[in-house]
Amino acid sequence: MELGWADADCALLHEAAVVHDVGKIAIPDQILFKPDRLTEHEYEAVKDHSRIGAEMLHGVLRPEQVAWVRHHHERWGGGGYPDGLAGIRIPEGARIIAVADAWDAIISVRPYGSARTIDEAIIECTLHAGSQFWPAAVDALDRVVFGAR
């Protein structure tokens, strides 16, 4: 909403965001829940979850929602996956999910690390705005979390 999306589009984004990692059910638990650093082979398996999830959701969600799920690990500056999209080639919903997903990972306890504070999380997202994340989405997150500063 902070980015000016209509209520109906926000509802579609919410639906896609709720299931954006559904493809992880195809990844073996010993990889998904591994407390140590992943091997290159294991990381490649994990990276496939966005493609698998999009395939699973084809025909269930709208095409734009499926694209958001598929591309939520693309990077604003390039180098993401599964298709190596960058900048405005990444669907806007995927750009937003990417920031929300990272935010959740940063502030949550994970098998490989402890939760960080909200201040640390916004600093981390801001550091990666323009490279990993769409700067407008990071700015919107900052406004939602902290208001006008």
N, C-alpha and C. Protein backbone atom coordinates (compact mmCIF):
# COMPACT_ATOMS: atom_id res chain seq x y z
N MET A 1 0.83 -1.18 0.00
CA MET A 1 0.00 0.00 0.00
C MET A 1 0.88 1.25 0.00
N GLU A 2 1.98 1.18 0.70
CA GLU A 2 2.92 2.31 0.78
C GLU A 2 3.48 2.67 -0.59
N LEU A 3 3.49 1.72 -1.50
CA LEU A 3 4.00 1.95 -2.85
C LEU A 3 2.89 2.37 -3.82
N GLY A 4 1.68 2.57 -3.29
CA GLY A 4 0.58 3.04 -4.12
C GLY A 4 -0.23 1.97 -4.81
N TRP A 5 -0.06 0.73 -4.39
CA TRP A 5 -0.84 -0.35 -4.99
C TRP A 5 -2.30 -0.25 -4.55
N ALA A 6 -3.19 -0.60 -5.46
CA ALA A 6 -4.62 -0.67 -5.15
C ALA A 6 -4.88 -1.81 -4.17
N ASP A 7 -5.96 -1.69 -3.42
CA ASP A 7 -6.31 -2.72 -2.44
C ASP A 7 -6.40 -4.12 -3.06
N ALA A 8 -7.00 -4.22 -4.24
CA ALA A 8 -7.15 -5.53 -4.89
C ALA A 8 -5.79 -6.11 -5.24
N ASP A 9 -4.86 -5.26 -5.71
CA ASP A 9 -3.52 -5.74 -6.05
C ASP A 9 -2.76 -6.14 -4.79
N CYS A 10 -2.97 -5.41 -3.70
CA CYS A 10 -2.34 -5.77 -2.42
C CYS A 10 -2.84 -7.14 -1.95
N ALA A 11 -4.11 -7.41 -2.16
CA ALA A 11 -4.67 -8.71 -1.79
C ALA A 11 -4.03 -9.82 -2.62
N LEU A 12 -3.82 -9.59 -3.91
CA LEU A 12 -3.15 -10.58 -4.76
C LEU A 12 -1.70 -10.79 -4.31
N LEU A 13 -1.04 -9.70 -3.95
CA LEU A 13 0.34 -9.80 -3.47
C LEU A 13 0.39 -10.60 -2.17
N HIS A 14 -0.55 -10.34 -1.29
CA HIS A 14 -0.60 -11.09 -0.02
C HIS A 14 -0.76 -12.58 -0.28
N GLU A 15 -1.67 -12.94 -1.18
CA GLU A 15 -1.87 -14.35 -1.51
C GLU A 15 -0.57 -14.99 -2.01
N ALA A 16 0.11 -14.31 -2.91
CA ALA A 16 1.36 -14.85 -3.46
C ALA A 16 2.44 -14.92 -2.39
N ALA A 17 2.51 -13.90 -1.55
CA ALA A 17 3.54 -13.86 -0.50
C ALA A 17 3.36 -15.01 0.49
N VAL A 18 2.13 -15.33 0.81
CA VAL A 18 1.86 -16.41 1.76
C VAL A 18 2.42 -17.75 1.27
N VAL A 19 2.38 -17.97 -0.05
CA VAL A 19 2.81 -19.25 -0.60
C VAL A 19 4.11 -19.16 -1.41
N HIS A 20 4.83 -18.05 -1.28
CA HIS A 20 5.99 -17.82 -2.16
C HIS A 20 7.08 -18.88 -2.03
N ASP A 21 7.18 -19.56 -0.90
CA ASP A 21 8.20 -20.59 -0.70
C ASP A 21 7.66 -22.01 -0.76
N VAL A 22 6.48 -22.19 -1.34
CA VAL A 22 5.87 -23.52 -1.39
C VAL A 22 6.77 -24.54 -2.09
N GLY A 23 7.60 -24.11 -3.00
CA GLY A 23 8.50 -25.00 -3.71
C GLY A 23 9.53 -25.66 -2.81
N LYS A 24 9.70 -25.13 -1.60
CA LYS A 24 10.65 -25.74 -0.66
C LYS A 24 10.22 -27.13 -0.21
N ILE A 25 8.96 -27.48 -0.41
CA ILE A 25 8.55 -28.83 -0.03
C ILE A 25 9.24 -29.88 -0.89
N ALA A 26 9.79 -29.47 -2.02
CA ALA A 26 10.51 -30.41 -2.89
C ALA A 26 11.99 -30.51 -2.54
N ILE A 27 12.43 -29.73 -1.57
CA ILE A 27 13.84 -29.74 -1.16
C ILE A 27 13.98 -30.66 0.04
N PRO A 28 14.93 -31.58 0.02
CA PRO A 28 15.09 -32.50 1.16
C PRO A 28 15.31 -31.76 2.48
N ASP A 29 14.68 -32.27 3.54
CA ASP A 29 14.78 -31.65 4.86
C ASP A 29 16.22 -31.52 5.33
N GLN A 30 17.08 -32.51 5.01
CA GLN A 30 18.46 -32.44 5.47
C GLN A 30 19.20 -31.25 4.86
N ILE A 31 18.72 -30.75 3.74
CA ILE A 31 19.29 -29.54 3.14
C ILE A 31 18.59 -28.31 3.72
N LEU A 32 17.25 -28.33 3.73
CA LEU A 32 16.50 -27.16 4.21
C LEU A 32 16.84 -26.78 5.64
N PHE A 33 17.04 -27.76 6.48
CA PHE A 33 17.24 -27.49 7.90
C PHE A 33 18.68 -27.70 8.34
N LYS A 34 19.58 -27.74 7.41
CA LYS A 34 20.99 -27.93 7.73
C LYS A 34 21.51 -26.74 8.54
N PRO A 35 22.11 -26.98 9.69
CA PRO A 35 22.57 -25.87 10.53
C PRO A 35 23.90 -25.26 10.05
N ASP A 36 24.57 -25.95 9.15
CA ASP A 36 25.87 -25.47 8.65
C ASP A 36 25.71 -24.84 7.27
N ARG A 37 26.80 -24.30 6.79
CA ARG A 37 26.82 -23.72 5.45
C ARG A 37 26.52 -24.80 4.42
N LEU A 38 25.72 -24.43 3.41
CA LEU A 38 25.37 -25.37 2.36
C LEU A 38 26.53 -25.55 1.39
N THR A 39 26.65 -26.77 0.86
CA THR A 39 27.61 -27.00 -0.22
C THR A 39 27.07 -26.33 -1.48
N GLU A 40 27.89 -26.22 -2.50
CA GLU A 40 27.44 -25.64 -3.77
C GLU A 40 26.27 -26.44 -4.34
N HIS A 41 26.37 -27.76 -4.28
CA HIS A 41 25.30 -28.62 -4.79
C HIS A 41 24.00 -28.40 -3.99
N GLU A 42 24.11 -28.33 -2.67
CA GLU A 42 22.92 -28.11 -1.83
C GLU A 42 22.29 -26.75 -2.12
N TYR A 43 23.13 -25.73 -2.29
CA TYR A 43 22.62 -24.39 -2.58
C TYR A 43 21.89 -24.38 -3.92
N GLU A 44 22.42 -25.07 -4.91
CA GLU A 44 21.74 -25.15 -6.21
C GLU A 44 20.37 -25.81 -6.06
N ALA A 45 20.27 -26.82 -5.20
CA ALA A 45 18.98 -27.47 -4.96
C ALA A 45 17.99 -26.50 -4.33
N VAL A 46 18.45 -25.73 -3.34
CA VAL A 46 17.58 -24.75 -2.67
C VAL A 46 17.12 -23.68 -3.66
N LYS A 47 18.02 -23.23 -4.51
CA LYS A 47 17.68 -22.19 -5.47
C LYS A 47 16.55 -22.60 -6.40
N ASP A 48 16.36 -23.88 -6.59
CA ASP A 48 15.32 -24.37 -7.50
C ASP A 48 13.91 -24.19 -6.92
N HIS A 49 13.80 -23.85 -5.63
CA HIS A 49 12.47 -23.79 -5.01
C HIS A 49 11.56 -22.73 -5.63
N SER A 50 12.11 -21.63 -6.09
CA SER A 50 11.24 -20.60 -6.67
C SER A 50 10.65 -21.05 -8.01
N ARG A 51 11.44 -21.74 -8.80
CA ARG A 51 10.94 -22.29 -10.07
C ARG A 51 9.90 -23.37 -9.81
N ILE A 52 10.22 -24.27 -8.88
CA ILE A 52 9.29 -25.36 -8.55
C ILE A 52 7.99 -24.80 -8.00
N GLY A 53 8.09 -23.83 -7.11
CA GLY A 53 6.89 -23.21 -6.53
C GLY A 53 6.02 -22.58 -7.60
N ALA A 54 6.63 -21.89 -8.54
CA ALA A 54 5.86 -21.28 -9.63
C ALA A 54 5.15 -22.34 -10.45
N GLU A 55 5.83 -23.45 -10.72
CA GLU A 55 5.20 -24.53 -11.46
C GLU A 55 4.02 -25.11 -10.68
N MET A 56 4.18 -25.26 -9.38
CA MET A 56 3.10 -25.80 -8.55
C MET A 56 1.88 -24.88 -8.54
N LEU A 57 2.13 -23.58 -8.59
CA LEU A 57 1.05 -22.60 -8.47
C LEU A 57 0.42 -22.23 -9.80
N HIS A 58 1.03 -22.68 -10.91
CA HIS A 58 0.47 -22.43 -12.22
C HIS A 58 -0.94 -23.02 -12.28
N GLY A 59 -1.90 -22.21 -12.66
CA GLY A 59 -3.28 -22.68 -12.73
C GLY A 59 -4.03 -22.53 -11.42
N VAL A 60 -3.31 -22.23 -10.34
CA VAL A 60 -3.94 -22.01 -9.03
C VAL A 60 -4.04 -20.51 -8.77
N LEU A 61 -2.93 -19.81 -9.00
CA LEU A 61 -2.90 -18.36 -8.85
C LEU A 61 -2.93 -17.70 -10.23
N ARG A 62 -3.12 -16.42 -10.25
CA ARG A 62 -3.08 -15.67 -11.50
C ARG A 62 -1.66 -15.65 -12.05
N PRO A 63 -1.52 -15.49 -13.36
CA PRO A 63 -0.18 -15.50 -13.96
C PRO A 63 0.78 -14.49 -13.33
N GLU A 64 0.31 -13.29 -12.99
CA GLU A 64 1.22 -12.31 -12.38
C GLU A 64 1.68 -12.78 -11.00
N GLN A 65 0.82 -13.45 -10.26
CA GLN A 65 1.20 -13.97 -8.95
C GLN A 65 2.24 -15.08 -9.09
N VAL A 66 2.05 -15.94 -10.08
CA VAL A 66 3.01 -17.01 -10.35
C VAL A 66 4.37 -16.40 -10.70
N ALA A 67 4.37 -15.34 -11.48
CA ALA A 67 5.62 -14.66 -11.82
C ALA A 67 6.27 -14.06 -10.58
N TRP A 68 5.50 -13.54 -9.66
CA TRP A 68 6.06 -12.97 -8.42
C TRP A 68 6.75 -14.06 -7.61
N VAL A 69 6.11 -15.23 -7.54
CA VAL A 69 6.71 -16.35 -6.81
C VAL A 69 7.99 -16.80 -7.51
N ARG A 70 7.94 -16.95 -8.81
CA ARG A 70 9.11 -17.42 -9.56
C ARG A 70 10.30 -16.48 -9.39
N HIS A 71 10.06 -15.20 -9.36
CA HIS A 71 11.15 -14.23 -9.43
C HIS A 71 11.49 -13.54 -8.11
N HIS A 72 11.01 -14.06 -6.99
CA HIS A 72 11.26 -13.37 -5.72
C HIS A 72 12.72 -13.45 -5.24
N HIS A 73 13.56 -14.21 -5.94
CA HIS A 73 15.00 -14.24 -5.62
C HIS A 73 15.86 -13.61 -6.70
N GLU A 74 15.23 -12.91 -7.63
CA GLU A 74 16.00 -12.12 -8.58
C GLU A 74 16.56 -10.92 -7.82
N ARG A 75 17.64 -10.35 -8.30
CA ARG A 75 18.27 -9.21 -7.63
C ARG A 75 18.17 -7.97 -8.50
N TRP A 76 17.86 -6.86 -7.86
CA TRP A 76 17.70 -5.60 -8.57
C TRP A 76 18.91 -5.30 -9.45
N GLY A 77 20.11 -5.56 -8.95
CA GLY A 77 21.33 -5.31 -9.70
C GLY A 77 21.78 -6.47 -10.57
N GLY A 78 21.01 -7.54 -10.61
CA GLY A 78 21.35 -8.73 -11.38
C GLY A 78 21.99 -9.80 -10.52
N GLY A 79 22.15 -10.96 -11.08
CA GLY A 79 22.80 -12.06 -10.38
C GLY A 79 21.89 -12.92 -9.53
N GLY A 80 20.59 -12.68 -9.59
CA GLY A 80 19.66 -13.51 -8.83
C GLY A 80 19.24 -14.74 -9.61
N TYR A 81 18.21 -15.40 -9.14
CA TYR A 81 17.73 -16.61 -9.80
C TYR A 81 16.21 -16.65 -9.74
N PRO A 82 15.55 -17.42 -10.59
CA PRO A 82 16.08 -18.46 -11.46
C PRO A 82 16.48 -17.98 -12.86
N ASP A 83 16.10 -16.76 -13.25
CA ASP A 83 16.30 -16.34 -14.63
C ASP A 83 17.29 -15.20 -14.81
N GLY A 84 17.92 -14.77 -13.74
CA GLY A 84 18.91 -13.71 -13.85
C GLY A 84 18.34 -12.36 -14.27
N LEU A 85 17.08 -12.10 -13.92
CA LEU A 85 16.48 -10.81 -14.25
C LEU A 85 17.09 -9.72 -13.38
N ALA A 86 17.00 -8.48 -13.86
CA ALA A 86 17.50 -7.35 -13.09
C ALA A 86 16.60 -6.14 -13.32
N GLY A 87 16.63 -5.21 -12.38
CA GLY A 87 15.92 -3.95 -12.52
C GLY A 87 14.45 -4.12 -12.81
N ILE A 88 13.98 -3.30 -13.73
CA ILE A 88 12.54 -3.29 -14.02
C ILE A 88 12.05 -4.53 -14.75
N ARG A 89 12.96 -5.40 -15.16
CA ARG A 89 12.54 -6.68 -15.76
C ARG A 89 11.96 -7.62 -14.69
N ILE A 90 12.29 -7.37 -13.43
CA ILE A 90 11.73 -8.17 -12.33
C ILE A 90 10.32 -7.66 -12.05
N PRO A 91 9.33 -8.54 -12.04
CA PRO A 91 7.97 -8.08 -11.74
C PRO A 91 7.93 -7.36 -10.38
N GLU A 92 7.18 -6.28 -10.33
CA GLU A 92 7.15 -5.45 -9.12
C GLU A 92 6.75 -6.24 -7.87
N GLY A 93 5.78 -7.13 -8.00
CA GLY A 93 5.38 -7.93 -6.85
C GLY A 93 6.52 -8.78 -6.32
N ALA A 94 7.34 -9.32 -7.22
CA ALA A 94 8.50 -10.11 -6.81
C ALA A 94 9.52 -9.24 -6.09
N ARG A 95 9.67 -8.00 -6.53
CA ARG A 95 10.60 -7.07 -5.87
C ARG A 95 10.18 -6.81 -4.43
N ILE A 96 8.87 -6.70 -4.22
CA ILE A 96 8.34 -6.44 -2.88
C ILE A 96 8.48 -7.69 -2.01
N ILE A 97 8.13 -8.85 -2.55
CA ILE A 97 8.26 -10.09 -1.80
C ILE A 97 9.72 -10.31 -1.40
N ALA A 98 10.65 -9.97 -2.27
CA ALA A 98 12.08 -10.15 -1.97
C ALA A 98 12.48 -9.40 -0.71
N VAL A 99 12.04 -8.16 -0.59
CA VAL A 99 12.38 -7.37 0.60
C VAL A 99 11.67 -7.93 1.83
N ALA A 100 10.40 -8.27 1.69
CA ALA A 100 9.65 -8.82 2.82
C ALA A 100 10.25 -10.14 3.29
N ASP A 101 10.66 -10.98 2.35
CA ASP A 101 11.26 -12.27 2.67
C ASP A 101 12.58 -12.09 3.41
N ALA A 102 13.39 -11.17 2.93
CA ALA A 102 14.67 -10.90 3.59
C ALA A 102 14.44 -10.32 4.98
N TRP A 103 13.50 -9.39 5.09
CA TRP A 103 13.17 -8.80 6.38
C TRP A 103 12.81 -9.89 7.39
N ASP A 104 11.94 -10.80 6.97
CA ASP A 104 11.53 -11.90 7.84
C ASP A 104 12.72 -12.76 8.24
N ALA A 105 13.60 -13.06 7.30
CA ALA A 105 14.78 -13.89 7.60
C ALA A 105 15.71 -13.18 8.59
N ILE A 106 15.85 -11.88 8.45
CA ILE A 106 16.76 -11.13 9.32
C ILE A 106 16.24 -11.05 10.75
N ILE A 107 14.94 -10.85 10.92
CA ILE A 107 14.41 -10.65 12.27
C ILE A 107 13.94 -11.95 12.94
N SER A 108 14.10 -13.08 12.26
CA SER A 108 13.65 -14.37 12.80
C SER A 108 14.83 -15.23 13.22
N VAL A 109 14.59 -16.09 14.20
CA VAL A 109 15.59 -17.09 14.59
C VAL A 109 15.62 -18.15 13.50
N ARG A 110 16.81 -18.48 13.06
CA ARG A 110 17.00 -19.50 12.02
C ARG A 110 17.95 -20.56 12.54
N PRO A 111 17.96 -21.76 11.92
CA PRO A 111 18.90 -22.80 12.37
C PRO A 111 20.36 -22.34 12.31
N TYR A 112 20.64 -21.41 11.43
CA TYR A 112 22.02 -20.96 11.22
C TYR A 112 22.31 -19.60 11.85
N GLY A 113 21.37 -19.05 12.63
CA GLY A 113 21.66 -17.76 13.24
C GLY A 113 20.52 -17.23 14.08
N SER A 114 20.84 -16.27 14.92
CA SER A 114 19.84 -15.67 15.79
C SER A 114 19.17 -14.48 15.10
N ALA A 115 18.05 -14.08 15.64
CA ALA A 115 17.32 -12.94 15.10
C ALA A 115 18.09 -11.66 15.38
N ARG A 116 17.98 -10.73 14.44
CA ARG A 116 18.58 -9.41 14.64
C ARG A 116 17.48 -8.40 14.96
N THR A 117 17.87 -7.27 15.48
CA THR A 117 16.91 -6.24 15.85
C THR A 117 16.30 -5.59 14.61
N ILE A 118 15.23 -4.87 14.83
CA ILE A 118 14.58 -4.14 13.74
C ILE A 118 15.54 -3.10 13.17
N ASP A 119 16.26 -2.41 14.03
CA ASP A 119 17.24 -1.42 13.53
C ASP A 119 18.31 -2.09 12.67
N GLU A 120 18.82 -3.23 13.13
CA GLU A 120 19.82 -3.95 12.34
C GLU A 120 19.24 -4.41 11.01
N ALA A 121 17.98 -4.84 11.04
CA ALA A 121 17.33 -5.33 9.82
C ALA A 121 17.17 -4.22 8.79
N ILE A 122 16.76 -3.05 9.21
CA ILE A 122 16.58 -1.97 8.24
C ILE A 122 17.92 -1.52 7.70
N ILE A 123 18.95 -1.54 8.53
CA ILE A 123 20.30 -1.21 8.06
C ILE A 123 20.74 -2.22 6.99
N GLU A 124 20.51 -3.50 7.26
CA GLU A 124 20.88 -4.55 6.30
C GLU A 124 20.15 -4.38 4.97
N CYS A 125 18.86 -4.13 5.04
CA CYS A 125 18.09 -3.94 3.79
C CYS A 125 18.56 -2.70 3.05
N THR A 126 18.82 -1.63 3.79
CA THR A 126 19.28 -0.39 3.17
C THR A 126 20.64 -0.56 2.51
N LEU A 127 21.51 -1.34 3.14
CA LEU A 127 22.83 -1.60 2.56
C LEU A 127 22.74 -2.29 1.20
N HIS A 128 21.68 -3.07 1.03
CA HIS A 128 21.53 -3.84 -0.21
C HIS A 128 20.53 -3.24 -1.19
N ALA A 129 19.98 -2.07 -0.85
CA ALA A 129 19.09 -1.37 -1.78
C ALA A 129 19.91 -0.94 -3.00
N GLY A 130 19.40 -1.27 -4.17
CA GLY A 130 20.10 -0.92 -5.39
C GLY A 130 20.95 -2.05 -5.94
N SER A 131 21.32 -2.99 -5.07
CA SER A 131 22.06 -4.16 -5.55
C SER A 131 21.15 -5.39 -5.47
N GLN A 132 20.78 -5.78 -4.28
CA GLN A 132 19.89 -6.92 -4.12
C GLN A 132 18.42 -6.50 -4.22
N PHE A 133 18.11 -5.37 -3.62
CA PHE A 133 16.70 -4.97 -3.49
C PHE A 133 16.36 -3.72 -4.30
N TRP A 134 15.12 -3.65 -4.70
CA TRP A 134 14.56 -2.47 -5.34
C TRP A 134 14.55 -1.34 -4.31
N PRO A 135 15.24 -0.25 -4.56
CA PRO A 135 15.32 0.83 -3.57
C PRO A 135 13.97 1.35 -3.11
N ALA A 136 13.00 1.45 -4.00
CA ALA A 136 11.68 1.96 -3.63
C ALA A 136 11.01 1.05 -2.60
N ALA A 137 11.21 -0.25 -2.70
CA ALA A 137 10.62 -1.19 -1.73
C ALA A 137 11.29 -1.04 -0.37
N VAL A 138 12.59 -0.85 -0.36
CA VAL A 138 13.30 -0.64 0.91
C VAL A 138 12.86 0.67 1.56
N ASP A 139 12.72 1.72 0.76
CA ASP A 139 12.24 2.99 1.29
C ASP A 139 10.83 2.86 1.87
N ALA A 140 9.97 2.13 1.18
CA ALA A 140 8.61 1.91 1.67
C ALA A 140 8.63 1.13 2.98
N LEU A 141 9.47 0.12 3.06
CA LEU A 141 9.61 -0.65 4.30
C LEU A 141 10.04 0.26 5.44
N ASP A 142 11.00 1.09 5.19
CA ASP A 142 11.49 2.03 6.21
C ASP A 142 10.34 2.93 6.70
N ARG A 143 9.55 3.45 5.78
CA ARG A 143 8.43 4.32 6.16
C ARG A 143 7.38 3.56 6.96
N VAL A 144 7.11 2.32 6.57
CA VAL A 144 6.10 1.52 7.28
C VAL A 144 6.59 1.19 8.69
N VAL A 145 7.84 0.82 8.82
CA VAL A 145 8.37 0.40 10.12
C VAL A 145 8.63 1.60 11.03
N PHE A 146 9.20 2.65 10.49
CA PHE A 146 9.63 3.76 11.32
C PHE A 146 8.85 5.04 11.12
N GLY A 147 7.98 5.10 10.14
CA GLY A 147 7.26 6.34 9.84
C GLY A 147 8.21 7.38 9.27
N ALA A 148 7.78 8.59 9.25
CA ALA A 148 8.66 9.67 8.76
C ALA A 148 9.72 9.94 9.80
N ARG A 149 10.97 9.83 9.37
CA ARG A 149 12.07 10.10 10.32
C ARG A 149 12.75 11.39 9.96
